[in-house]
mmCIF file of all heavy atoms, coordinates in Angstrom:
data_MODEL
# 
_entry.id   MODEL 
# 
loop_
_atom_site.group_PDB 
_atom_site.id 
_atom_site.type_symbol 
_atom_site.label_atom_id 
_atom_site.label_alt_id 
_atom_site.label_comp_id 
_atom_site.label_asym_id 
_atom_site.label_entity_id 
_atom_site.label_seq_id 
_atom_site.pdbx_PDB_ins_code 
_atom_site.Cartn_x 
_atom_site.Cartn_y 
_atom_site.Cartn_z 
_atom_site.occupancy 
_atom_site.B_iso_or_equiv 
_atom_site.pdbx_formal_charge 
_atom_site.auth_seq_id 
_atom_site.auth_comp_id 
_atom_site.auth_asym_id 
_atom_site.auth_atom_id 
_atom_site.pdbx_PDB_model_num 
ATOM 1   N N   . TRP A 1 1  ? -7.197  -6.306  0.669   1.00 0.00 ? 1  TRP A N   1 
ATOM 2   C CA  . TRP A 1 1  ? -6.078  -6.578  1.607   1.00 0.00 ? 1  TRP A CA  1 
ATOM 3   C C   . TRP A 1 1  ? -6.533  -6.302  3.013   1.00 0.00 ? 1  TRP A C   1 
ATOM 4   O O   . TRP A 1 1  ? -6.177  -7.116  3.946   1.00 0.00 ? 1  TRP A O   1 
ATOM 5   C CB  . TRP A 1 1  ? -4.895  -5.646  1.239   1.00 0.00 ? 1  TRP A CB  1 
ATOM 6   C CG  . TRP A 1 1  ? -4.119  -6.080  0.013   1.00 0.00 ? 1  TRP A CG  1 
ATOM 7   C CD1 . TRP A 1 1  ? -4.169  -7.255  -0.645  1.00 0.00 ? 1  TRP A CD1 1 
ATOM 8   C CD2 . TRP A 1 1  ? -3.224  -5.240  -0.696  1.00 0.00 ? 1  TRP A CD2 1 
ATOM 9   N NE1 . TRP A 1 1  ? -3.354  -7.242  -1.744  1.00 0.00 ? 1  TRP A NE1 1 
ATOM 10  C CE2 . TRP A 1 1  ? -2.723  -6.005  -1.829  1.00 0.00 ? 1  TRP A CE2 1 
ATOM 11  C CE3 . TRP A 1 1  ? -2.761  -3.960  -0.554  1.00 0.00 ? 1  TRP A CE3 1 
ATOM 12  C CZ2 . TRP A 1 1  ? -1.823  -5.541  -2.734  1.00 0.00 ? 1  TRP A CZ2 1 
ATOM 13  C CZ3 . TRP A 1 1  ? -1.839  -3.435  -1.472  1.00 0.00 ? 1  TRP A CZ3 1 
ATOM 14  C CH2 . TRP A 1 1  ? -1.384  -4.243  -2.565  1.00 0.00 ? 1  TRP A CH2 1 
ATOM 15  N N   . ILE A 1 2  ? -7.281  -5.295  3.268   1.00 0.00 ? 2  ILE A N   1 
ATOM 16  C CA  . ILE A 1 2  ? -7.698  -4.910  4.588   1.00 0.00 ? 2  ILE A CA  1 
ATOM 17  C C   . ILE A 1 2  ? -8.733  -5.904  5.118   1.00 0.00 ? 2  ILE A C   1 
ATOM 18  O O   . ILE A 1 2  ? -8.741  -6.295  6.324   1.00 0.00 ? 2  ILE A O   1 
ATOM 19  C CB  . ILE A 1 2  ? -8.230  -3.454  4.654   1.00 0.00 ? 2  ILE A CB  1 
ATOM 20  C CG1 . ILE A 1 2  ? -7.061  -2.478  4.368   1.00 0.00 ? 2  ILE A CG1 1 
ATOM 21  C CG2 . ILE A 1 2  ? -8.867  -3.139  6.018   1.00 0.00 ? 2  ILE A CG2 1 
ATOM 22  C CD1 . ILE A 1 2  ? -7.539  -1.072  4.063   1.00 0.00 ? 2  ILE A CD1 1 
ATOM 23  N N   . HIS A 1 3  ? -9.620  -6.308  4.268   1.00 0.00 ? 3  HIS A N   1 
ATOM 24  C CA  . HIS A 1 3  ? -10.709 -7.224  4.712   1.00 0.00 ? 3  HIS A CA  1 
ATOM 25  C C   . HIS A 1 3  ? -10.220 -8.655  4.946   1.00 0.00 ? 3  HIS A C   1 
ATOM 26  O O   . HIS A 1 3  ? -10.773 -9.390  5.718   1.00 0.00 ? 3  HIS A O   1 
ATOM 27  C CB  . HIS A 1 3  ? -11.845 -7.229  3.673   1.00 0.00 ? 3  HIS A CB  1 
ATOM 28  C CG  . HIS A 1 3  ? -12.664 -5.981  3.656   1.00 0.00 ? 3  HIS A CG  1 
ATOM 29  N ND1 . HIS A 1 3  ? -12.969 -5.322  2.483   1.00 0.00 ? 3  HIS A ND1 1 
ATOM 30  C CD2 . HIS A 1 3  ? -13.176 -5.255  4.674   1.00 0.00 ? 3  HIS A CD2 1 
ATOM 31  C CE1 . HIS A 1 3  ? -13.707 -4.224  2.791   1.00 0.00 ? 3  HIS A CE1 1 
ATOM 32  N NE2 . HIS A 1 3  ? -13.830 -4.188  4.098   1.00 0.00 ? 3  HIS A NE2 1 
ATOM 33  N N   . ARG A 1 4  ? -9.125  -9.048  4.223   1.00 0.00 ? 4  ARG A N   1 
ATOM 34  C CA  . ARG A 1 4  ? -8.539  -10.347 4.390   1.00 0.00 ? 4  ARG A CA  1 
ATOM 35  C C   . ARG A 1 4  ? -7.093  -10.213 4.762   1.00 0.00 ? 4  ARG A C   1 
ATOM 36  O O   . ARG A 1 4  ? -6.193  -10.461 3.892   1.00 0.00 ? 4  ARG A O   1 
ATOM 37  C CB  . ARG A 1 4  ? -8.720  -11.169 3.151   1.00 0.00 ? 4  ARG A CB  1 
ATOM 38  C CG  . ARG A 1 4  ? -10.121 -11.567 2.816   1.00 0.00 ? 4  ARG A CG  1 
ATOM 39  C CD  . ARG A 1 4  ? -10.245 -12.564 1.713   1.00 0.00 ? 4  ARG A CD  1 
ATOM 40  N NE  . ARG A 1 4  ? -9.760  -12.029 0.419   1.00 0.00 ? 4  ARG A NE  1 
ATOM 41  C CZ  . ARG A 1 4  ? -10.496 -11.333 -0.360  1.00 0.00 ? 4  ARG A CZ  1 
ATOM 42  N NH1 . ARG A 1 4  ? -11.739 -11.007 -0.125  1.00 0.00 ? 4  ARG A NH1 1 
ATOM 43  N NH2 . ARG A 1 4  ? -9.998  -10.899 -1.536  1.00 0.00 ? 4  ARG A NH2 1 
ATOM 44  N N   . PRO A 1 5  ? -6.756  -9.873  5.981   1.00 0.00 ? 5  PRO A N   1 
ATOM 45  C CA  . PRO A 1 5  ? -5.380  -9.541  6.377   1.00 0.00 ? 5  PRO A CA  1 
ATOM 46  C C   . PRO A 1 5  ? -4.494  -10.742 6.621   1.00 0.00 ? 5  PRO A C   1 
ATOM 47  O O   . PRO A 1 5  ? -4.038  -11.058 7.748   1.00 0.00 ? 5  PRO A O   1 
ATOM 48  C CB  . PRO A 1 5  ? -5.553  -8.744  7.637   1.00 0.00 ? 5  PRO A CB  1 
ATOM 49  C CG  . PRO A 1 5  ? -6.815  -9.272  8.254   1.00 0.00 ? 5  PRO A CG  1 
ATOM 50  C CD  . PRO A 1 5  ? -7.724  -9.645  7.096   1.00 0.00 ? 5  PRO A CD  1 
ATOM 51  N N   . ASP A 1 6  ? -4.246  -11.542 5.517   1.00 0.00 ? 6  ASP A N   1 
ATOM 52  C CA  . ASP A 1 6  ? -3.308  -12.670 5.690   1.00 0.00 ? 6  ASP A CA  1 
ATOM 53  C C   . ASP A 1 6  ? -1.880  -12.102 5.588   1.00 0.00 ? 6  ASP A C   1 
ATOM 54  O O   . ASP A 1 6  ? -1.730  -10.898 5.315   1.00 0.00 ? 6  ASP A O   1 
ATOM 55  C CB  . ASP A 1 6  ? -3.544  -13.696 4.576   1.00 0.00 ? 6  ASP A CB  1 
ATOM 56  C CG  . ASP A 1 6  ? -3.496  -13.090 3.186   1.00 0.00 ? 6  ASP A CG  1 
ATOM 57  O OD1 . ASP A 1 6  ? -2.651  -12.215 2.912   1.00 0.00 ? 6  ASP A OD1 1 
ATOM 58  O OD2 . ASP A 1 6  ? -4.295  -13.503 2.338   1.00 0.00 ? 6  ASP A OD2 1 
ATOM 59  N N   . PRO A 1 7  ? -0.830  -12.888 5.867   1.00 0.00 ? 7  PRO A N   1 
ATOM 60  C CA  . PRO A 1 7  ? 0.549   -12.337 5.884   1.00 0.00 ? 7  PRO A CA  1 
ATOM 61  C C   . PRO A 1 7  ? 0.916   -11.623 4.627   1.00 0.00 ? 7  PRO A C   1 
ATOM 62  O O   . PRO A 1 7  ? 1.599   -10.567 4.708   1.00 0.00 ? 7  PRO A O   1 
ATOM 63  C CB  . PRO A 1 7  ? 1.398   -13.611 6.078   1.00 0.00 ? 7  PRO A CB  1 
ATOM 64  C CG  . PRO A 1 7  ? 0.491   -14.577 6.849   1.00 0.00 ? 7  PRO A CG  1 
ATOM 65  C CD  . PRO A 1 7  ? -0.906  -14.305 6.291   1.00 0.00 ? 7  PRO A CD  1 
ATOM 66  N N   . GLU A 1 8  ? 0.536   -12.097 3.468   1.00 0.00 ? 8  GLU A N   1 
ATOM 67  C CA  . GLU A 1 8  ? 0.844   -11.399 2.212   1.00 0.00 ? 8  GLU A CA  1 
ATOM 68  C C   . GLU A 1 8  ? 0.174   -10.087 2.113   1.00 0.00 ? 8  GLU A C   1 
ATOM 69  O O   . GLU A 1 8  ? 0.787   -9.090  1.727   1.00 0.00 ? 8  GLU A O   1 
ATOM 70  C CB  . GLU A 1 8  ? 0.471   -12.312 1.016   1.00 0.00 ? 8  GLU A CB  1 
ATOM 71  C CG  . GLU A 1 8  ? 0.946   -11.714 -0.316  1.00 0.00 ? 8  GLU A CG  1 
ATOM 72  C CD  . GLU A 1 8  ? 0.588   -12.622 -1.491  1.00 0.00 ? 8  GLU A CD  1 
ATOM 73  O OE1 . GLU A 1 8  ? -0.581  -12.833 -1.782  1.00 0.00 ? 8  GLU A OE1 1 
ATOM 74  O OE2 . GLU A 1 8  ? 1.566   -13.202 -2.063  1.00 0.00 ? 8  GLU A OE2 1 
ATOM 75  N N   . SER A 1 9  ? -1.109  -10.005 2.483   1.00 0.00 ? 9  SER A N   1 
ATOM 76  C CA  . SER A 1 9  ? -1.812  -8.762  2.447   1.00 0.00 ? 9  SER A CA  1 
ATOM 77  C C   . SER A 1 9  ? -1.263  -7.712  3.385   1.00 0.00 ? 9  SER A C   1 
ATOM 78  O O   . SER A 1 9  ? -1.101  -6.532  3.068   1.00 0.00 ? 9  SER A O   1 
ATOM 79  C CB  . SER A 1 9  ? -3.334  -8.982  2.809   1.00 0.00 ? 9  SER A CB  1 
ATOM 80  O OG  . SER A 1 9  ? -3.935  -9.815  1.860   1.00 0.00 ? 9  SER A OG  1 
ATOM 81  N N   . ILE A 1 10 ? -0.855  -8.196  4.617   1.00 0.00 ? 10 ILE A N   1 
ATOM 82  C CA  . ILE A 1 10 ? -0.217  -7.286  5.575   1.00 0.00 ? 10 ILE A CA  1 
ATOM 83  C C   . ILE A 1 10 ? 1.076   -6.738  5.035   1.00 0.00 ? 10 ILE A C   1 
ATOM 84  O O   . ILE A 1 10 ? 1.383   -5.500  5.158   1.00 0.00 ? 10 ILE A O   1 
ATOM 85  C CB  . ILE A 1 10 ? 0.038   -8.000  6.923   1.00 0.00 ? 10 ILE A CB  1 
ATOM 86  C CG1 . ILE A 1 10 ? -1.290  -8.312  7.618   1.00 0.00 ? 10 ILE A CG1 1 
ATOM 87  C CG2 . ILE A 1 10 ? 0.923   -7.178  7.813   1.00 0.00 ? 10 ILE A CG2 1 
ATOM 88  C CD1 . ILE A 1 10 ? -2.052  -7.128  8.104   1.00 0.00 ? 10 ILE A CD1 1 
ATOM 89  N N   . MET A 1 11 ? 1.878   -7.602  4.401   1.00 0.00 ? 11 MET A N   1 
ATOM 90  C CA  . MET A 1 11 ? 3.140   -7.116  3.829   1.00 0.00 ? 11 MET A CA  1 
ATOM 91  C C   . MET A 1 11 ? 2.878   -6.118  2.719   1.00 0.00 ? 11 MET A C   1 
ATOM 92  O O   . MET A 1 11 ? 3.552   -5.088  2.640   1.00 0.00 ? 11 MET A O   1 
ATOM 93  C CB  . MET A 1 11 ? 3.954   -8.338  3.233   1.00 0.00 ? 11 MET A CB  1 
ATOM 94  C CG  . MET A 1 11 ? 5.217   -7.961  2.561   1.00 0.00 ? 11 MET A CG  1 
ATOM 95  S SD  . MET A 1 11 ? 6.143   -9.348  1.875   1.00 0.00 ? 11 MET A SD  1 
ATOM 96  C CE  . MET A 1 11 ? 5.048   -9.786  0.466   1.00 0.00 ? 11 MET A CE  1 
ATOM 97  N N   . TYR A 1 12 ? 1.929   -6.414  1.820   1.00 0.00 ? 12 TYR A N   1 
ATOM 98  C CA  . TYR A 1 12 ? 1.692   -5.516  0.687   1.00 0.00 ? 12 TYR A CA  1 
ATOM 99  C C   . TYR A 1 12 ? 1.151   -4.147  1.134   1.00 0.00 ? 12 TYR A C   1 
ATOM 100 O O   . TYR A 1 12 ? 1.600   -3.098  0.678   1.00 0.00 ? 12 TYR A O   1 
ATOM 101 C CB  . TYR A 1 12 ? 0.662   -6.156  -0.298  1.00 0.00 ? 12 TYR A CB  1 
ATOM 102 C CG  . TYR A 1 12 ? 1.286   -7.260  -1.141  1.00 0.00 ? 12 TYR A CG  1 
ATOM 103 C CD1 . TYR A 1 12 ? 0.532   -8.252  -1.713  1.00 0.00 ? 12 TYR A CD1 1 
ATOM 104 C CD2 . TYR A 1 12 ? 2.701   -7.324  -1.394  1.00 0.00 ? 12 TYR A CD2 1 
ATOM 105 C CE1 . TYR A 1 12 ? 1.024   -9.230  -2.507  1.00 0.00 ? 12 TYR A CE1 1 
ATOM 106 C CE2 . TYR A 1 12 ? 3.244   -8.324  -2.132  1.00 0.00 ? 12 TYR A CE2 1 
ATOM 107 C CZ  . TYR A 1 12 ? 2.440   -9.304  -2.706  1.00 0.00 ? 12 TYR A CZ  1 
ATOM 108 O OH  . TYR A 1 12 ? 2.974   -10.275 -3.470  1.00 0.00 ? 12 TYR A OH  1 
ATOM 109 N N   . ILE A 1 13 ? 0.240   -4.149  2.095   1.00 0.00 ? 13 ILE A N   1 
ATOM 110 C CA  . ILE A 1 13 ? -0.340  -2.857  2.512   1.00 0.00 ? 13 ILE A CA  1 
ATOM 111 C C   . ILE A 1 13 ? 0.667   -2.079  3.319   1.00 0.00 ? 13 ILE A C   1 
ATOM 112 O O   . ILE A 1 13 ? 0.658   -0.845  3.294   1.00 0.00 ? 13 ILE A O   1 
ATOM 113 C CB  . ILE A 1 13 ? -1.686  -3.037  3.228   1.00 0.00 ? 13 ILE A CB  1 
ATOM 114 C CG1 . ILE A 1 13 ? -2.458  -1.742  3.145   1.00 0.00 ? 13 ILE A CG1 1 
ATOM 115 C CG2 . ILE A 1 13 ? -1.450  -3.392  4.700   1.00 0.00 ? 13 ILE A CG2 1 
ATOM 116 C CD1 . ILE A 1 13 ? -3.981  -1.914  3.353   1.00 0.00 ? 13 ILE A CD1 1 
ATOM 117 N N   . SER A 1 14 ? 1.561   -2.766  4.028   1.00 0.00 ? 14 SER A N   1 
ATOM 118 C CA  . SER A 1 14 ? 2.634   -2.083  4.774   1.00 0.00 ? 14 SER A CA  1 
ATOM 119 C C   . SER A 1 14 ? 3.510   -1.340  3.800   1.00 0.00 ? 14 SER A C   1 
ATOM 120 O O   . SER A 1 14 ? 3.920   -0.192  4.034   1.00 0.00 ? 14 SER A O   1 
ATOM 121 C CB  . SER A 1 14 ? 3.407   -3.074  5.606   1.00 0.00 ? 14 SER A CB  1 
ATOM 122 O OG  . SER A 1 14 ? 2.594   -3.662  6.584   1.00 0.00 ? 14 SER A OG  1 
ATOM 123 N N   . ILE A 1 15 ? 3.892   -1.990  2.747   1.00 0.00 ? 15 ILE A N   1 
ATOM 124 C CA  . ILE A 1 15 ? 4.708   -1.373  1.725   1.00 0.00 ? 15 ILE A CA  1 
ATOM 125 C C   . ILE A 1 15 ? 3.990   -0.256  0.989   1.00 0.00 ? 15 ILE A C   1 
ATOM 126 O O   . ILE A 1 15 ? 4.532   0.840   0.799   1.00 0.00 ? 15 ILE A O   1 
ATOM 127 C CB  . ILE A 1 15 ? 5.179   -2.453  0.657   1.00 0.00 ? 15 ILE A CB  1 
ATOM 128 C CG1 . ILE A 1 15 ? 6.082   -3.476  1.321   1.00 0.00 ? 15 ILE A CG1 1 
ATOM 129 C CG2 . ILE A 1 15 ? 5.912   -1.762  -0.515  1.00 0.00 ? 15 ILE A CG2 1 
ATOM 130 C CD1 . ILE A 1 15 ? 6.410   -4.702  0.478   1.00 0.00 ? 15 ILE A CD1 1 
ATOM 131 N N   . PHE A 1 16 ? 2.679   -0.521  0.700   1.00 0.00 ? 16 PHE A N   1 
ATOM 132 C CA  . PHE A 1 16 ? 1.934   0.484   -0.088  1.00 0.00 ? 16 PHE A CA  1 
ATOM 133 C C   . PHE A 1 16 ? 1.609   1.724   0.716   1.00 0.00 ? 16 PHE A C   1 
ATOM 134 O O   . PHE A 1 16 ? 1.593   2.827   0.158   1.00 0.00 ? 16 PHE A O   1 
ATOM 135 C CB  . PHE A 1 16 ? 0.649   -0.135  -0.642  1.00 0.00 ? 16 PHE A CB  1 
ATOM 136 C CG  . PHE A 1 16 ? -0.034  0.686   -1.687  1.00 0.00 ? 16 PHE A CG  1 
ATOM 137 C CD1 . PHE A 1 16 ? 0.303   0.550   -2.984  1.00 0.00 ? 16 PHE A CD1 1 
ATOM 138 C CD2 . PHE A 1 16 ? -0.989  1.614   -1.301  1.00 0.00 ? 16 PHE A CD2 1 
ATOM 139 C CE1 . PHE A 1 16 ? -0.333  1.342   -3.997  1.00 0.00 ? 16 PHE A CE1 1 
ATOM 140 C CE2 . PHE A 1 16 ? -1.620  2.435   -2.242  1.00 0.00 ? 16 PHE A CE2 1 
ATOM 141 C CZ  . PHE A 1 16 ? -1.278  2.240   -3.577  1.00 0.00 ? 16 PHE A CZ  1 
ATOM 142 N N   . PHE A 1 17 ? 1.369   1.558   1.978   1.00 0.00 ? 17 PHE A N   1 
ATOM 143 C CA  . PHE A 1 17 ? 0.966   2.729   2.815   1.00 0.00 ? 17 PHE A CA  1 
ATOM 144 C C   . PHE A 1 17 ? 2.024   3.810   2.852   1.00 0.00 ? 17 PHE A C   1 
ATOM 145 O O   . PHE A 1 17 ? 1.717   4.983   3.071   1.00 0.00 ? 17 PHE A O   1 
ATOM 146 C CB  . PHE A 1 17 ? 0.638   2.278   4.229   1.00 0.00 ? 17 PHE A CB  1 
ATOM 147 C CG  . PHE A 1 17 ? 0.167   3.423   5.130   1.00 0.00 ? 17 PHE A CG  1 
ATOM 148 C CD1 . PHE A 1 17 ? -0.997  4.122   4.870   1.00 0.00 ? 17 PHE A CD1 1 
ATOM 149 C CD2 . PHE A 1 17 ? 0.946   3.816   6.211   1.00 0.00 ? 17 PHE A CD2 1 
ATOM 150 C CE1 . PHE A 1 17 ? -1.407  5.147   5.633   1.00 0.00 ? 17 PHE A CE1 1 
ATOM 151 C CE2 . PHE A 1 17 ? 0.522   4.899   7.006   1.00 0.00 ? 17 PHE A CE2 1 
ATOM 152 C CZ  . PHE A 1 17 ? -0.680  5.522   6.727   1.00 0.00 ? 17 PHE A CZ  1 
ATOM 153 N N   . ASP A 1 18 ? 3.287   3.450   2.577   1.00 0.00 ? 18 ASP A N   1 
ATOM 154 C CA  . ASP A 1 18 ? 4.383   4.445   2.569   1.00 0.00 ? 18 ASP A CA  1 
ATOM 155 C C   . ASP A 1 18 ? 4.501   5.141   1.238   1.00 0.00 ? 18 ASP A C   1 
ATOM 156 O O   . ASP A 1 18 ? 5.534   5.785   0.938   1.00 0.00 ? 18 ASP A O   1 
ATOM 157 C CB  . ASP A 1 18 ? 5.718   3.758   2.932   1.00 0.00 ? 18 ASP A CB  1 
ATOM 158 C CG  . ASP A 1 18 ? 5.654   3.125   4.315   1.00 0.00 ? 18 ASP A CG  1 
ATOM 159 O OD1 . ASP A 1 18 ? 4.891   3.577   5.138   1.00 0.00 ? 18 ASP A OD1 1 
ATOM 160 O OD2 . ASP A 1 18 ? 6.423   2.144   4.530   1.00 0.00 ? 18 ASP A OD2 1 
ATOM 161 N N   . LEU A 1 19 ? 3.502   5.019   0.374   1.00 0.00 ? 19 LEU A N   1 
ATOM 162 C CA  . LEU A 1 19 ? 3.564   5.561   -0.985  1.00 0.00 ? 19 LEU A CA  1 
ATOM 163 C C   . LEU A 1 19 ? 3.822   7.073   -1.035  1.00 0.00 ? 19 LEU A C   1 
ATOM 164 O O   . LEU A 1 19 ? 3.325   7.815   -0.170  1.00 0.00 ? 19 LEU A O   1 
ATOM 165 C CB  . LEU A 1 19 ? 2.342   5.197   -1.815  1.00 0.00 ? 19 LEU A CB  1 
ATOM 166 C CG  . LEU A 1 19 ? 1.089   6.116   -1.696  1.00 0.00 ? 19 LEU A CG  1 
ATOM 167 C CD1 . LEU A 1 19 ? 0.164   5.809   -2.890  1.00 0.00 ? 19 LEU A CD1 1 
ATOM 168 C CD2 . LEU A 1 19 ? 0.350   5.849   -0.387  1.00 0.00 ? 19 LEU A CD2 1 
ATOM 169 N N   . ARG A 1 20 ? 4.590   7.462   -2.001  1.00 0.00 ? 20 ARG A N   1 
ATOM 170 C CA  . ARG A 1 20 ? 4.921   8.903   -2.198  1.00 0.00 ? 20 ARG A CA  1 
ATOM 171 C C   . ARG A 1 20 ? 5.012   9.124   -3.693  1.00 0.00 ? 20 ARG A C   1 
ATOM 172 O O   . ARG A 1 20 ? 5.750   8.461   -4.377  1.00 0.00 ? 20 ARG A O   1 
ATOM 173 C CB  . ARG A 1 20 ? 6.245   9.252   -1.483  1.00 0.00 ? 20 ARG A CB  1 
ATOM 174 C CG  . ARG A 1 20 ? 6.685   10.680  -1.646  1.00 0.00 ? 20 ARG A CG  1 
ATOM 175 C CD  . ARG A 1 20 ? 7.883   10.953  -0.722  1.00 0.00 ? 20 ARG A CD  1 
ATOM 176 N NE  . ARG A 1 20 ? 9.021   10.072  -1.004  1.00 0.00 ? 20 ARG A NE  1 
ATOM 177 C CZ  . ARG A 1 20 ? 9.939   10.319  -1.977  1.00 0.00 ? 20 ARG A CZ  1 
ATOM 178 N NH1 . ARG A 1 20 ? 9.822   11.385  -2.756  1.00 0.00 ? 20 ARG A NH1 1 
ATOM 179 N NH2 . ARG A 1 20 ? 10.958  9.489   -2.173  1.00 0.00 ? 20 ARG A NH2 1 
ATOM 180 N N   . SER A 1 21 ? 4.257   10.106  -4.213  1.00 0.00 ? 21 SER A N   1 
ATOM 181 C CA  . SER A 1 21 ? 4.276   10.426  -5.603  1.00 0.00 ? 21 SER A CA  1 
ATOM 182 C C   . SER A 1 21 ? 5.514   11.193  -5.978  1.00 0.00 ? 21 SER A C   1 
ATOM 183 O O   . SER A 1 21 ? 5.826   12.212  -5.365  1.00 0.00 ? 21 SER A O   1 
ATOM 184 C CB  . SER A 1 21 ? 3.029   11.210  -5.965  1.00 0.00 ? 21 SER A CB  1 
ATOM 185 O OG  . SER A 1 21 ? 3.011   11.566  -7.373  1.00 0.00 ? 21 SER A OG  1 
ATOM 186 N N   . VAL A 1 22 ? 6.230   10.701  -7.002  1.00 0.00 ? 22 VAL A N   1 
ATOM 187 C CA  . VAL A 1 22 ? 7.439   11.428  -7.464  1.00 0.00 ? 22 VAL A CA  1 
ATOM 188 C C   . VAL A 1 22 ? 7.228   12.043  -8.848  1.00 0.00 ? 22 VAL A C   1 
ATOM 189 O O   . VAL A 1 22 ? 8.047   12.829  -9.300  1.00 0.00 ? 22 VAL A O   1 
ATOM 190 C CB  . VAL A 1 22 ? 8.666   10.539  -7.462  1.00 0.00 ? 22 VAL A CB  1 
ATOM 191 C CG1 . VAL A 1 22 ? 9.069   10.115  -6.066  1.00 0.00 ? 22 VAL A CG1 1 
ATOM 192 C CG2 . VAL A 1 22 ? 8.507   9.308   -8.387  1.00 0.00 ? 22 VAL A CG2 1 
ATOM 193 N N   . TYR A 1 23 ? 6.159   11.665  -9.499  1.00 0.00 ? 23 TYR A N   1 
ATOM 194 C CA  . TYR A 1 23 ? 5.844   12.221  -10.860 1.00 0.00 ? 23 TYR A CA  1 
ATOM 195 C C   . TYR A 1 23 ? 4.378   12.078  -11.129 1.00 0.00 ? 23 TYR A C   1 
ATOM 196 O O   . TYR A 1 23 ? 3.741   11.026  -10.882 1.00 0.00 ? 23 TYR A O   1 
ATOM 197 C CB  . TYR A 1 23 ? 6.627   11.464  -11.897 1.00 0.00 ? 23 TYR A CB  1 
ATOM 198 C CG  . TYR A 1 23 ? 6.599   12.113  -13.317 1.00 0.00 ? 23 TYR A CG  1 
ATOM 199 C CD1 . TYR A 1 23 ? 7.598   13.018  -13.720 1.00 0.00 ? 23 TYR A CD1 1 
ATOM 200 C CD2 . TYR A 1 23 ? 5.555   11.909  -14.148 1.00 0.00 ? 23 TYR A CD2 1 
ATOM 201 C CE1 . TYR A 1 23 ? 7.537   13.615  -14.937 1.00 0.00 ? 23 TYR A CE1 1 
ATOM 202 C CE2 . TYR A 1 23 ? 5.464   12.522  -15.381 1.00 0.00 ? 23 TYR A CE2 1 
ATOM 203 C CZ  . TYR A 1 23 ? 6.481   13.401  -15.770 1.00 0.00 ? 23 TYR A CZ  1 
ATOM 204 O OH  . TYR A 1 23 ? 6.429   14.001  -17.016 1.00 0.00 ? 23 TYR A OH  1 
ATOM 205 N N   . GLY A 1 24 ? 3.766   13.141  -11.680 1.00 0.00 ? 24 GLY A N   1 
ATOM 206 C CA  . GLY A 1 24 ? 2.411   13.025  -12.162 1.00 0.00 ? 24 GLY A CA  1 
ATOM 207 C C   . GLY A 1 24 ? 1.398   13.560  -11.158 1.00 0.00 ? 24 GLY A C   1 
ATOM 208 O O   . GLY A 1 24 ? 1.699   14.503  -10.369 1.00 0.00 ? 24 GLY A O   1 
ATOM 209 N N   . ASN A 1 25 ? 0.214   12.993  -11.197 1.00 0.00 ? 25 ASN A N   1 
ATOM 210 C CA  . ASN A 1 25 ? -0.966  13.481  -10.438 1.00 0.00 ? 25 ASN A CA  1 
ATOM 211 C C   . ASN A 1 25 ? -0.863  13.035  -8.980  1.00 0.00 ? 25 ASN A C   1 
ATOM 212 O O   . ASN A 1 25 ? -1.158  11.929  -8.635  1.00 0.00 ? 25 ASN A O   1 
ATOM 213 C CB  . ASN A 1 25 ? -2.256  12.931  -11.051 1.00 0.00 ? 25 ASN A CB  1 
ATOM 214 C CG  . ASN A 1 25 ? -3.472  13.610  -10.523 1.00 0.00 ? 25 ASN A CG  1 
ATOM 215 O OD1 . ASN A 1 25 ? -3.430  14.196  -9.427  1.00 0.00 ? 25 ASN A OD1 1 
ATOM 216 N ND2 . ASN A 1 25 ? -4.581  13.567  -11.276 1.00 0.00 ? 25 ASN A ND2 1 
ATOM 217 N N   . ASP A 1 26 ? -0.442  13.993  -8.127  1.00 0.00 ? 26 ASP A N   1 
ATOM 218 C CA  . ASP A 1 26 ? -0.262  13.669  -6.692  1.00 0.00 ? 26 ASP A CA  1 
ATOM 219 C C   . ASP A 1 26 ? -1.588  13.408  -5.963  1.00 0.00 ? 26 ASP A C   1 
ATOM 220 O O   . ASP A 1 26 ? -1.603  12.749  -4.914  1.00 0.00 ? 26 ASP A O   1 
ATOM 221 C CB  . ASP A 1 26 ? 0.455   14.850  -6.015  1.00 0.00 ? 26 ASP A CB  1 
ATOM 222 C CG  . ASP A 1 26 ? 0.844   14.496  -4.578  1.00 0.00 ? 26 ASP A CG  1 
ATOM 223 O OD1 . ASP A 1 26 ? 1.312   13.384  -4.343  1.00 0.00 ? 26 ASP A OD1 1 
ATOM 224 O OD2 . ASP A 1 26 ? 0.629   15.356  -3.712  1.00 0.00 ? 26 ASP A OD2 1 
ATOM 225 N N   . ASN A 1 27 ? -2.703  13.840  -6.576  1.00 0.00 ? 27 ASN A N   1 
ATOM 226 C CA  . ASN A 1 27 ? -3.993  13.625  -5.903  1.00 0.00 ? 27 ASN A CA  1 
ATOM 227 C C   . ASN A 1 27 ? -4.373  12.175  -5.761  1.00 0.00 ? 27 ASN A C   1 
ATOM 228 O O   . ASN A 1 27 ? -5.051  11.735  -4.833  1.00 0.00 ? 27 ASN A O   1 
ATOM 229 C CB  . ASN A 1 27 ? -5.133  14.332  -6.709  1.00 0.00 ? 27 ASN A CB  1 
ATOM 230 C CG  . ASN A 1 27 ? -5.011  15.822  -6.648  1.00 0.00 ? 27 ASN A CG  1 
ATOM 231 O OD1 . ASN A 1 27 ? -4.534  16.386  -5.619  1.00 0.00 ? 27 ASN A OD1 1 
ATOM 232 N ND2 . ASN A 1 27 ? -5.409  16.541  -7.700  1.00 0.00 ? 27 ASN A ND2 1 
# 
């Protein structure tokens, strides 16, 4: 996604960067 920052990749990484673990291995 980072190497090919087309609109879809930008949208996906924007959503993913806000990730927060709510269960399991937080590492």
